[in-house]
N, C-alpha and C. Protein backbone atom coordinates (compact mmCIF):
# COMPACT_ATOMS: atom_id res chain seq x y z
N MET A 1 -25.55 -9.56 -9.16
CA MET A 1 -26.09 -10.14 -8.13
C MET A 1 -26.56 -11.25 -7.71
N VAL A 2 -26.49 -12.03 -6.73
CA VAL A 2 -27.27 -13.56 -7.13
C VAL A 2 -27.51 -13.44 -6.16
N SER A 3 -29.44 -13.46 -5.65
CA SER A 3 -29.92 -13.15 -4.67
C SER A 3 -31.28 -14.32 -5.18
N ARG A 4 -32.16 -14.96 -3.98
CA ARG A 4 -33.41 -15.85 -4.28
C ARG A 4 -32.96 -16.56 -5.73
N ASP A 5 -31.79 -17.35 -5.56
CA ASP A 5 -31.62 -18.26 -6.91
C ASP A 5 -31.89 -17.91 -7.97
N GLN A 6 -31.52 -16.47 -7.99
CA GLN A 6 -31.85 -15.68 -9.67
C GLN A 6 -30.30 -14.65 -9.84
N ILE A 7 -29.65 -14.70 -10.54
CA ILE A 7 -29.00 -13.29 -10.96
C ILE A 7 -29.86 -12.18 -11.39
N TRP A 8 -29.42 -11.23 -10.68
CA TRP A 8 -30.13 -10.23 -10.81
C TRP A 8 -29.49 -9.17 -11.40
N VAL A 9 -30.09 -8.25 -12.58
CA VAL A 9 -29.60 -7.28 -13.72
C VAL A 9 -30.51 -6.10 -14.02
N ILE A 10 -29.47 -4.89 -13.51
CA ILE A 10 -30.66 -3.88 -14.32
C ILE A 10 -31.20 -4.00 -15.59
N ASP A 11 -32.33 -3.70 -16.02
CA ASP A 11 -32.95 -4.08 -17.67
C ASP A 11 -32.00 -3.32 -18.28
N ALA A 12 -32.51 -3.26 -19.49
CA ALA A 12 -32.16 -2.58 -20.71
C ALA A 12 -32.64 -0.87 -20.83
N THR A 13 -33.96 -1.19 -20.28
CA THR A 13 -34.22 0.44 -20.12
C THR A 13 -33.84 1.34 -18.71
N ALA A 14 -33.09 0.51 -17.65
CA ALA A 14 -32.18 1.23 -16.80
C ALA A 14 -33.11 1.65 -15.89
N LYS A 15 -34.74 1.04 -16.02
CA LYS A 15 -35.43 1.69 -15.19
C LYS A 15 -36.10 0.64 -14.16
N ALA A 16 -35.90 -0.82 -14.39
CA ALA A 16 -36.32 -1.79 -13.53
C ALA A 16 -35.14 -3.09 -13.47
N VAL A 17 -35.56 -3.72 -12.48
CA VAL A 17 -34.44 -4.92 -12.15
C VAL A 17 -35.08 -6.17 -12.70
N ASP A 18 -34.40 -7.24 -13.20
CA ASP A 18 -34.62 -8.24 -13.87
C ASP A 18 -34.06 -9.64 -12.98
N GLY A 19 -34.78 -10.81 -12.65
CA GLY A 19 -34.21 -11.60 -11.85
C GLY A 19 -34.19 -12.91 -12.74
N LEU A 20 -33.16 -13.21 -13.27
CA LEU A 20 -32.93 -14.13 -14.24
C LEU A 20 -32.92 -15.64 -13.72
N SER A 21 -33.25 -16.62 -14.14
CA SER A 21 -32.98 -17.87 -13.94
C SER A 21 -31.34 -18.25 -13.54
N LEU A 22 -31.09 -19.16 -13.02
CA LEU A 22 -29.71 -19.66 -12.99
C LEU A 22 -29.85 -20.66 -13.79
N ALA A 23 -30.15 -21.12 -14.55
CA ALA A 23 -30.14 -22.62 -15.52
C ALA A 23 -30.57 -22.37 -16.63
N ASP A 24 -31.19 -21.39 -17.14
CA ASP A 24 -31.32 -20.70 -18.28
C ASP A 24 -31.39 -19.43 -18.58
N GLY A 25 -31.15 -18.64 -18.64
CA GLY A 25 -31.08 -16.48 -18.71
C GLY A 25 -31.93 -16.25 -18.58
N SER A 26 -33.52 -17.18 -18.71
CA SER A 26 -34.72 -16.14 -18.71
C SER A 26 -35.29 -15.51 -17.57
N VAL A 27 -35.93 -14.59 -18.11
CA VAL A 27 -36.13 -13.34 -17.20
C VAL A 27 -37.35 -14.36 -16.19
N GLN A 28 -37.15 -14.51 -14.75
CA GLN A 28 -38.25 -15.23 -13.83
C GLN A 28 -39.27 -13.47 -13.46
N THR A 29 -38.34 -13.05 -12.67
CA THR A 29 -39.20 -11.69 -12.16
C THR A 29 -38.46 -10.31 -12.97
N HIS A 30 -39.12 -9.50 -12.71
CA HIS A 30 -39.20 -8.04 -13.31
C HIS A 30 -39.97 -6.93 -12.18
N ILE A 31 -38.72 -5.91 -11.65
CA ILE A 31 -39.48 -5.00 -11.26
C ILE A 31 -39.11 -3.81 -11.11
N GLU A 32 -39.59 -3.01 -11.10
CA GLU A 32 -40.01 -1.73 -11.81
C GLU A 32 -39.65 -0.42 -10.45
N LEU A 33 -38.40 0.09 -10.73
CA LEU A 33 -37.88 1.06 -9.94
C LEU A 33 -38.30 2.67 -10.13
N GLY A 34 -38.66 2.99 -10.84
CA GLY A 34 -39.36 4.29 -10.95
C GLY A 34 -38.40 4.85 -11.33
N GLU A 35 -36.68 5.33 -11.37
CA GLU A 35 -35.86 5.53 -11.16
C GLU A 35 -34.91 4.96 -12.59
N PHE A 36 -33.98 5.90 -12.90
CA PHE A 36 -32.95 5.66 -13.98
C PHE A 36 -32.00 5.32 -13.06
N CYS A 37 -31.93 3.76 -13.02
CA CYS A 37 -30.38 3.21 -12.08
C CYS A 37 -29.27 2.36 -12.98
N THR A 38 -28.21 2.98 -12.79
CA THR A 38 -27.05 2.19 -13.81
C THR A 38 -26.21 0.84 -13.10
N ASP A 39 -26.76 -0.04 -11.75
CA ASP A 39 -25.67 -1.03 -11.10
C ASP A 39 -26.26 -0.95 -9.68
N LEU A 40 -26.08 -2.57 -9.45
CA LEU A 40 -26.37 -2.54 -8.51
C LEU A 40 -25.40 -2.66 -7.55
N ALA A 41 -25.53 -3.09 -5.74
CA ALA A 41 -24.45 -3.17 -5.60
C ALA A 41 -24.05 -4.71 -5.38
N ARG A 42 -22.74 -4.68 -5.22
CA ARG A 42 -22.10 -6.35 -4.93
C ARG A 42 -21.82 -6.48 -3.67
N THR A 43 -21.51 -7.82 -3.64
CA THR A 43 -21.36 -8.67 -2.38
C THR A 43 -19.90 -8.53 -2.59
N SER A 44 -18.71 -8.84 -2.53
CA SER A 44 -17.24 -9.42 -2.51
C SER A 44 -17.44 -10.54 -1.79
N SER A 45 -18.17 -10.55 -0.41
CA SER A 45 -18.04 -11.99 0.11
C SER A 45 -18.89 -12.99 -0.17
N GLY A 46 -19.32 -12.42 -0.98
CA GLY A 46 -20.45 -13.55 -1.83
C GLY A 46 -21.59 -14.36 -0.82
N ARG A 47 -21.50 -14.10 0.44
CA ARG A 47 -23.20 -13.76 1.05
C ARG A 47 -24.25 -13.58 0.21
N PRO A 48 -24.77 -14.40 0.00
CA PRO A 48 -26.52 -14.06 -0.25
C PRO A 48 -26.44 -13.12 0.57
N SER A 49 -27.54 -12.22 -0.46
CA SER A 49 -28.36 -11.10 0.10
C SER A 49 -30.13 -11.08 -0.05
N ALA A 50 -30.63 -10.84 1.39
CA ALA A 50 -32.22 -10.86 0.66
C ALA A 50 -32.68 -10.08 0.01
N MET A 51 -31.60 -8.62 0.18
CA MET A 51 -32.46 -7.40 -0.72
C MET A 51 -31.30 -7.21 -1.59
N LEU A 52 -31.52 -6.39 -2.64
CA LEU A 52 -31.10 -5.84 -4.35
C LEU A 52 -30.81 -4.00 -3.44
N TYR A 53 -29.93 -3.78 -4.25
CA TYR A 53 -29.98 -2.22 -3.92
C TYR A 53 -29.17 -1.52 -4.87
N ALA A 54 -29.84 -0.53 -5.59
CA ALA A 54 -29.07 0.16 -6.84
C ALA A 54 -29.29 1.16 -6.44
N VAL A 55 -28.03 1.87 -7.15
CA VAL A 55 -27.21 3.36 -7.61
C VAL A 55 -27.85 3.69 -8.94
N CYS A 56 -28.86 5.21 -8.64
CA CYS A 56 -29.09 6.14 -9.37
C CYS A 56 -28.70 7.27 -9.94
N PRO A 57 -27.43 7.54 -10.27
CA PRO A 57 -27.04 8.72 -10.54
C PRO A 57 -27.62 10.58 -10.67
N THR A 58 -28.36 9.74 -11.84
CA THR A 58 -29.47 10.72 -12.47
C THR A 58 -30.15 11.75 -11.72
N SER A 59 -30.85 11.08 -10.84
CA SER A 59 -32.18 11.43 -9.44
C SER A 59 -31.13 11.31 -8.15
N GLY A 60 -30.04 10.98 -8.20
CA GLY A 60 -29.23 11.12 -7.13
C GLY A 60 -30.33 10.19 -5.90
N VAL A 61 -30.36 8.83 -5.91
CA VAL A 61 -30.78 8.19 -5.04
C VAL A 61 -30.16 6.49 -4.81
N VAL A 62 -30.38 6.17 -3.84
CA VAL A 62 -30.07 4.84 -3.95
C VAL A 62 -31.28 4.00 -3.54
N LEU A 63 -31.61 2.79 -4.03
CA LEU A 63 -32.74 2.28 -3.54
C LEU A 63 -32.94 0.93 -3.07
N ALA A 64 -33.17 0.28 -2.26
CA ALA A 64 -33.18 -1.08 -1.41
C ALA A 64 -34.42 -1.29 -2.05
N ILE A 65 -34.74 -2.58 -2.52
CA ILE A 65 -35.32 -3.16 -3.55
C ILE A 65 -35.56 -4.90 -2.71
N ASP A 66 -37.03 -5.09 -2.57
CA ASP A 66 -37.36 -6.73 -1.57
C ASP A 66 -37.79 -7.57 -2.93
N PRO A 67 -36.95 -8.44 -3.66
CA PRO A 67 -37.13 -9.43 -4.51
C PRO A 67 -38.21 -10.33 -4.03
N GLU A 68 -38.87 -10.45 -3.43
CA GLU A 68 -39.78 -10.86 -2.43
C GLU A 68 -41.43 -10.43 -2.79
N SER A 69 -41.23 -8.85 -2.31
CA SER A 69 -42.44 -8.29 -2.88
C SER A 69 -42.56 -7.55 -3.75
N LYS A 70 -41.36 -7.67 -4.46
CA LYS A 70 -40.99 -6.93 -5.82
C LYS A 70 -41.66 -5.21 -5.74
N GLN A 71 -40.99 -4.80 -4.73
CA GLN A 71 -41.15 -3.11 -4.06
C GLN A 71 -39.54 -2.43 -3.93
N VAL A 72 -39.54 -1.54 -4.04
CA VAL A 72 -38.87 -0.54 -3.78
C VAL A 72 -39.45 -0.37 -2.08
N THR A 73 -38.51 -0.61 -0.90
CA THR A 73 -38.97 -0.50 0.32
C THR A 73 -37.97 0.89 0.76
N ALA A 74 -37.17 1.37 0.39
CA ALA A 74 -36.46 1.89 1.21
C ALA A 74 -35.59 3.14 0.04
N LYS A 75 -35.67 4.81 0.41
CA LYS A 75 -34.76 5.55 -0.76
C LYS A 75 -33.74 6.49 -0.01
N LEU A 76 -32.40 6.13 -0.34
CA LEU A 76 -31.60 7.21 0.12
C LEU A 76 -31.04 8.10 -0.59
N ARG A 77 -30.97 9.76 -0.38
CA ARG A 77 -30.88 10.92 -1.39
C ARG A 77 -29.40 10.86 -1.03
N LEU A 78 -28.39 10.74 -1.96
CA LEU A 78 -27.41 10.87 -2.15
C LEU A 78 -26.83 11.50 -3.13
N PRO A 79 -25.67 12.50 -3.50
CA PRO A 79 -25.48 13.49 -5.09
C PRO A 79 -24.46 12.44 -5.61
N ASN A 80 -25.54 11.74 -6.77
CA ASN A 80 -24.23 10.99 -7.77
C ASN A 80 -24.21 10.19 -7.31
N PRO A 81 -24.59 9.34 -6.60
CA PRO A 81 -23.82 7.94 -6.25
C PRO A 81 -23.49 7.08 -7.37
N ARG A 82 -22.05 6.57 -7.23
CA ARG A 82 -22.21 5.62 -8.48
C ARG A 82 -21.61 3.95 -8.29
N VAL A 83 -21.09 3.58 -7.23
CA VAL A 83 -21.03 2.44 -6.92
C VAL A 83 -21.21 2.18 -5.76
N ALA A 84 -21.58 0.76 -5.39
CA ALA A 84 -22.19 0.55 -4.02
C ALA A 84 -21.68 -1.63 -3.78
N GLU A 85 -21.11 -1.46 -2.69
CA GLU A 85 -20.55 -2.68 -2.30
C GLU A 85 -21.30 -3.20 -0.87
N LEU A 86 -22.42 -4.08 -0.47
CA LEU A 86 -22.77 -4.93 0.42
C LEU A 86 -21.95 -5.70 1.20
N GLY A 87 -21.57 -5.51 2.12
CA GLY A 87 -21.14 -6.10 3.10
C GLY A 87 -22.28 -6.48 4.67
N ASP A 88 -21.46 -5.97 6.14
CA ASP A 88 -22.44 -6.02 6.97
C ASP A 88 -23.09 -4.42 6.95
N ASP A 89 -22.91 -3.97 6.27
CA ASP A 89 -23.48 -2.50 6.25
C ASP A 89 -23.47 -2.58 4.14
N LEU A 90 -24.33 -1.65 4.10
CA LEU A 90 -23.98 -0.77 2.22
C LEU A 90 -23.23 0.16 2.44
N TRP A 91 -22.27 0.34 1.44
CA TRP A 91 -20.90 0.91 1.39
C TRP A 91 -21.55 1.81 0.37
N VAL A 92 -21.54 3.18 -0.32
CA VAL A 92 -21.67 3.89 -1.47
C VAL A 92 -21.19 5.03 -1.77
N GLY A 93 -20.18 4.76 -2.59
CA GLY A 93 -19.52 5.95 -3.51
C GLY A 93 -19.88 6.55 -4.26
N PHE A 94 -20.16 8.37 -4.04
CA PHE A 94 -20.82 9.01 -4.01
C PHE A 94 -20.19 10.30 -3.87
N ASP A 95 -20.80 11.20 -5.13
CA ASP A 95 -19.71 12.73 -5.55
C ASP A 95 -19.16 13.39 -3.72
N GLY A 96 -19.90 12.95 -2.54
CA GLY A 96 -19.07 13.25 -1.40
C GLY A 96 -18.74 12.87 -0.74
N GLY A 97 -18.01 11.59 -0.83
CA GLY A 97 -17.38 10.26 -0.38
C GLY A 97 -17.67 9.33 -0.96
N VAL A 98 -17.45 8.36 0.66
CA VAL A 98 -18.15 6.86 0.44
C VAL A 98 -18.96 6.85 1.72
N ALA A 99 -20.29 6.60 1.69
CA ALA A 99 -21.15 6.47 2.73
C ALA A 99 -20.99 5.42 3.37
N GLN A 100 -21.10 4.73 4.74
CA GLN A 100 -21.28 3.89 5.79
C GLN A 100 -23.17 3.87 5.75
N VAL A 101 -24.03 3.11 5.09
CA VAL A 101 -24.96 2.86 5.32
C VAL A 101 -25.71 1.69 5.75
N SER A 102 -27.14 1.85 6.67
CA SER A 102 -27.14 0.41 7.07
C SER A 102 -27.86 -0.02 6.15
N PRO A 103 -27.86 -1.33 5.69
CA PRO A 103 -29.02 -2.13 4.72
C PRO A 103 -30.02 -2.37 5.00
N ASP A 104 -30.82 -1.80 6.56
CA ASP A 104 -31.73 -2.25 6.44
C ASP A 104 -33.20 -0.94 6.20
N ASP A 105 -32.32 0.02 6.65
CA ASP A 105 -33.32 0.96 6.41
C ASP A 105 -32.67 2.70 5.23
N LEU A 106 -31.29 2.07 5.60
CA LEU A 106 -30.58 2.86 4.51
C LEU A 106 -30.38 4.54 5.11
N THR A 107 -30.39 4.23 6.48
CA THR A 107 -29.45 5.76 7.04
C THR A 107 -28.22 5.48 7.05
N VAL A 108 -27.73 6.93 7.19
CA VAL A 108 -26.58 6.64 6.70
C VAL A 108 -25.50 6.78 7.90
N LYS A 109 -24.93 5.97 8.52
CA LYS A 109 -23.96 5.75 9.53
C LYS A 109 -22.64 6.96 9.47
N ALA A 110 -22.10 6.56 8.22
CA ALA A 110 -21.16 7.87 8.64
C ALA A 110 -20.76 7.80 6.70
N VAL A 111 -19.96 9.07 7.18
CA VAL A 111 -19.31 9.61 5.66
C VAL A 111 -17.72 9.55 5.75
N TYR A 112 -17.14 9.12 4.66
CA TYR A 112 -15.54 9.43 4.41
C TYR A 112 -15.26 9.89 3.32
N ASP A 113 -13.92 10.94 3.65
CA ASP A 113 -13.44 11.55 2.46
C ASP A 113 -12.48 10.92 2.08
N ALA A 114 -13.04 9.42 0.85
CA ALA A 114 -12.61 8.89 -0.29
C ALA A 114 -13.14 8.79 -1.26
N LEU A 115 -12.98 9.13 -2.42
CA LEU A 115 -13.75 9.18 -3.63
C LEU A 115 -13.73 8.41 -4.46
N THR A 116 -14.30 7.61 -4.89
CA THR A 116 -14.43 6.76 -6.12
C THR A 116 -14.23 7.18 -7.21
N GLY A 117 -15.20 8.29 -7.53
CA GLY A 117 -15.05 8.81 -8.68
C GLY A 117 -16.22 8.42 -9.75
N LEU A 118 -15.79 8.50 -11.01
CA LEU A 118 -16.97 7.73 -11.93
C LEU A 118 -16.36 6.33 -12.18
N ASP A 119 -15.41 5.90 -11.95
CA ASP A 119 -14.87 4.56 -12.40
C ASP A 119 -14.29 3.55 -11.04
N GLY A 120 -14.32 4.27 -10.40
CA GLY A 120 -13.71 3.49 -8.88
C GLY A 120 -14.47 2.33 -8.11
N THR A 121 -13.81 1.76 -7.21
CA THR A 121 -15.02 0.89 -6.96
C THR A 121 -14.61 0.80 -4.83
N ILE A 122 -15.15 -0.14 -4.64
CA ILE A 122 -15.19 -0.44 -3.09
C ILE A 122 -15.39 -1.93 -2.86
N PHE A 123 -14.61 -1.93 -2.16
CA PHE A 123 -14.48 -3.51 -2.10
C PHE A 123 -14.39 -4.29 -0.33
N VAL A 124 -15.29 -4.83 0.05
CA VAL A 124 -15.65 -5.44 1.67
C VAL A 124 -14.68 -6.20 1.54
N THR A 125 -13.97 -6.25 2.78
CA THR A 125 -14.00 -7.84 3.53
C THR A 125 -14.08 -8.16 4.96
N THR A 126 -14.05 -8.99 5.44
CA THR A 126 -14.54 -9.13 6.68
C THR A 126 -14.29 -8.05 7.69
N ASN A 127 -13.24 -7.44 7.34
CA ASN A 127 -12.76 -6.54 8.77
C ASN A 127 -12.10 -5.64 8.03
N ALA A 128 -12.30 -4.96 6.72
CA ALA A 128 -11.98 -3.62 6.24
C ALA A 128 -12.73 -3.57 5.25
N VAL A 129 -12.62 -2.31 4.55
CA VAL A 129 -13.44 -1.46 3.31
C VAL A 129 -12.38 -0.77 2.63
N TRP A 130 -12.05 -1.56 1.06
CA TRP A 130 -11.29 -1.18 0.62
C TRP A 130 -11.72 0.19 -0.53
N VAL A 131 -11.29 1.04 -1.01
CA VAL A 131 -12.11 2.22 -1.72
C VAL A 131 -10.73 2.26 -3.00
N ARG A 132 -11.07 1.82 -4.14
CA ARG A 132 -10.27 2.66 -5.09
C ARG A 132 -10.61 3.47 -6.05
N ALA A 133 -10.23 4.43 -6.20
CA ALA A 133 -10.26 5.81 -6.84
C ALA A 133 -9.24 5.78 -7.57
N GLY A 134 -8.93 7.29 -8.31
CA GLY A 134 -8.10 7.24 -9.56
C GLY A 134 -7.48 8.90 -8.61
N GLY A 135 -6.57 9.48 -9.69
CA GLY A 135 -5.46 10.54 -8.51
C GLY A 135 -4.39 10.23 -7.80
N LYS A 136 -4.64 11.20 -6.84
CA LYS A 136 -3.12 10.85 -5.99
C LYS A 136 -3.30 9.41 -5.31
N GLN A 137 -4.43 9.71 -4.44
CA GLN A 137 -4.96 8.50 -3.51
C GLN A 137 -5.25 7.40 -4.27
N MET A 138 -4.53 6.00 -4.42
CA MET A 138 -5.33 5.28 -5.09
C MET A 138 -6.17 4.35 -4.32
N LEU A 139 -5.44 4.07 -2.99
CA LEU A 139 -6.15 2.92 -2.49
C LEU A 139 -6.58 3.18 -1.11
N THR A 140 -7.43 3.24 -0.49
CA THR A 140 -8.01 3.73 1.13
C THR A 140 -8.11 2.40 1.83
N GLN A 141 -7.83 2.43 2.86
CA GLN A 141 -8.46 1.62 3.61
C GLN A 141 -9.22 2.14 5.25
N ILE A 142 -10.44 1.54 5.15
CA ILE A 142 -11.73 1.88 6.56
C ILE A 142 -11.45 0.56 7.18
N ASP A 143 -11.46 0.90 8.53
CA ASP A 143 -11.89 0.13 9.41
C ASP A 143 -13.61 0.29 9.95
N PRO A 144 -14.43 -0.43 9.61
CA PRO A 144 -15.35 0.04 9.51
C PRO A 144 -16.76 -0.21 11.07
N SER A 145 -15.53 -0.79 11.87
CA SER A 145 -16.00 -1.23 13.42
C SER A 145 -15.64 0.14 14.24
N SER A 146 -14.37 0.54 14.05
CA SER A 146 -13.72 1.96 14.09
C SER A 146 -14.50 3.14 13.92
N GLN A 147 -14.65 3.00 12.40
CA GLN A 147 -15.01 4.06 11.88
C GLN A 147 -13.74 5.23 11.49
N THR A 148 -12.80 4.08 10.81
CA THR A 148 -11.49 5.30 11.04
C THR A 148 -10.78 4.97 9.82
N PHE A 149 -9.84 5.83 8.89
CA PHE A 149 -9.04 5.23 8.22
C PHE A 149 -7.63 4.73 8.64
N VAL A 150 -7.47 3.39 8.22
CA VAL A 150 -6.36 2.35 8.50
C VAL A 150 -4.91 2.97 7.79
N GLU A 151 -5.16 3.08 6.67
CA GLU A 151 -3.74 3.85 5.82
C GLU A 151 -4.53 4.37 4.39
N THR A 152 -3.94 5.07 3.84
CA THR A 152 -3.93 5.47 2.38
C THR A 152 -2.76 5.18 1.41
N ILE A 153 -3.03 4.45 0.24
CA ILE A 153 -1.63 4.56 -0.72
C ILE A 153 -1.92 5.15 -1.68
N ALA A 154 -0.62 6.06 -1.66
CA ALA A 154 -0.67 6.74 -3.23
C ALA A 154 -0.57 6.15 -4.51
N ALA A 155 -0.60 6.78 -5.24
CA ALA A 155 -1.02 6.27 -7.03
C ALA A 155 0.47 5.90 -7.88
N GLY A 156 1.08 6.74 -6.93
CA GLY A 156 2.66 6.91 -7.49
C GLY A 156 2.69 6.92 -9.48
N LYS A 157 3.32 6.16 -10.06
CA LYS A 157 2.86 6.57 -11.63
C LYS A 157 1.78 5.89 -11.95
N TYR A 158 0.93 5.50 -11.37
CA TYR A 158 -0.42 4.63 -12.28
C TYR A 158 -1.71 5.84 -11.53
N LYS A 159 -2.04 6.63 -12.38
CA LYS A 159 -3.21 7.48 -11.54
C LYS A 159 -4.58 7.24 -12.19
N ALA A 160 -4.80 6.17 -13.04
CA ALA A 160 -6.28 5.56 -13.42
C ALA A 160 -6.60 5.11 -12.35
N SER A 161 -8.13 5.08 -12.51
CA SER A 161 -8.27 3.92 -11.33
C SER A 161 -8.88 3.23 -12.03
N GLY A 162 -9.37 2.30 -11.36
CA GLY A 162 -9.57 0.76 -11.67
C GLY A 162 -10.43 0.28 -10.45
N ASP A 163 -10.44 -1.37 -11.49
CA ASP A 163 -10.83 -2.54 -10.35
C ASP A 163 -10.17 -2.97 -9.35
N LEU A 164 -10.44 -3.75 -8.47
CA LEU A 164 -10.12 -4.45 -7.08
C LEU A 164 -10.87 -5.28 -6.66
N LEU A 165 -9.47 -5.84 -6.19
CA LEU A 165 -9.65 -7.47 -5.46
C LEU A 165 -9.36 -7.71 -4.46
N VAL A 166 -9.33 -8.29 -3.10
CA VAL A 166 -8.52 -8.51 -2.38
C VAL A 166 -8.88 -10.50 -1.79
N LYS A 167 -7.75 -10.89 -1.46
CA LYS A 167 -8.15 -11.41 -1.34
C LYS A 167 -6.56 -12.49 -0.06
N GLY A 168 -7.80 -12.46 0.87
CA GLY A 168 -6.18 -12.53 2.61
C GLY A 168 -6.04 -11.29 2.56
N ASP A 169 -4.40 -11.53 2.11
CA ASP A 169 -3.24 -10.62 2.40
C ASP A 169 -3.09 -9.74 0.91
N SER A 170 -3.59 -10.40 0.06
CA SER A 170 -2.95 -10.44 -1.14
C SER A 170 -4.19 -9.41 -2.29
N ILE A 171 -3.69 -7.92 -2.54
CA ILE A 171 -4.59 -6.62 -3.37
C ILE A 171 -4.07 -6.53 -4.07
N TRP A 172 -5.33 -6.88 -5.53
CA TRP A 172 -4.72 -6.78 -6.96
C TRP A 172 -6.02 -5.42 -7.11
N THR A 173 -4.80 -4.72 -8.38
CA THR A 173 -5.98 -3.10 -8.73
C THR A 173 -5.85 -3.44 -10.18
N THR A 174 -6.92 -2.60 -10.92
CA THR A 174 -6.12 -2.29 -12.68
C THR A 174 -5.79 -1.03 -12.23
N ALA A 175 -5.19 -0.38 -13.61
CA ALA A 175 -5.00 1.44 -13.71
C ALA A 175 -5.67 1.18 -15.24
N SER A 176 -6.93 1.51 -15.44
CA SER A 176 -7.70 1.20 -16.30
C SER A 176 -7.49 2.00 -18.17
N ASP A 177 -6.52 3.13 -17.35
CA ASP A 177 -6.38 3.75 -18.44
C ASP A 177 -4.86 3.36 -19.22
N ASP A 178 -4.30 2.55 -17.90
CA ASP A 178 -2.73 2.29 -18.42
C ASP A 178 -3.08 0.89 -18.99
N SER A 179 -4.03 0.10 -18.79
CA SER A 179 -3.80 -1.53 -18.94
C SER A 179 -2.98 -2.13 -18.16
N VAL A 180 -2.92 -1.47 -17.11
CA VAL A 180 -2.05 -2.02 -15.91
C VAL A 180 -2.73 -3.02 -14.84
N LEU A 181 -2.15 -4.42 -14.30
CA LEU A 181 -2.65 -5.23 -13.41
C LEU A 181 -1.70 -5.28 -12.32
N MET A 182 -2.03 -4.82 -11.29
CA MET A 182 -0.79 -4.67 -10.08
C MET A 182 -0.97 -5.19 -8.73
N GLN A 183 -0.03 -5.69 -8.26
CA GLN A 183 -0.12 -6.15 -6.45
C GLN A 183 0.16 -4.52 -5.94
N VAL A 184 -0.65 -4.89 -4.90
CA VAL A 184 -0.40 -3.48 -4.16
C VAL A 184 0.25 -4.16 -2.85
N GLN A 185 1.32 -3.62 -2.06
CA GLN A 185 1.68 -3.78 -0.89
C GLN A 185 1.19 -3.06 0.14
N THR A 186 0.49 -3.40 1.20
CA THR A 186 -0.08 -2.83 2.55
C THR A 186 1.13 -2.59 3.53
N THR A 187 1.07 -1.53 4.53
CA THR A 187 1.81 -1.26 5.44
C THR A 187 1.21 -2.54 6.52
N PRO A 188 2.01 -3.17 6.52
CA PRO A 188 1.90 -4.76 7.89
C PRO A 188 1.57 -3.93 9.73
């Protein structure tokens, strides 16, 4: 994630985040987290964010991190959070589904029965949230403003989970175990 003119990554200990220089990759900022974390929230929209959000499955928490003060400012407990995506809200895939979370104070606004599993993903666009999972339900579209499901697309032949890219009306996903890249057709 890029924020405050630095590239932010979980460090090698998985207990801190490092802000790397865009010019040469050197560590400019180091923030201890106090938790074992595996990933930072992405921003599909490319919008910069003043805050960072880390998922920490071992301890079952999501952390809000302020790079300016170098502090963890909020903590949300969720069972086994694995993936997070930032749009207007923070979207977190965890064992209970997908949580729509206020990025300001990490309060949960809604929980959806859409599982990302260990290696699924979430992609946020201007007016939709897409959840990619393995198994029978490959792709689920959520309308964040009405907090409703729009559609679910069955996996068909390829049941492995994978990554997801949404650009305009074009939706692309992988089935990682099958080494397949496919374009998905949605309901008009």
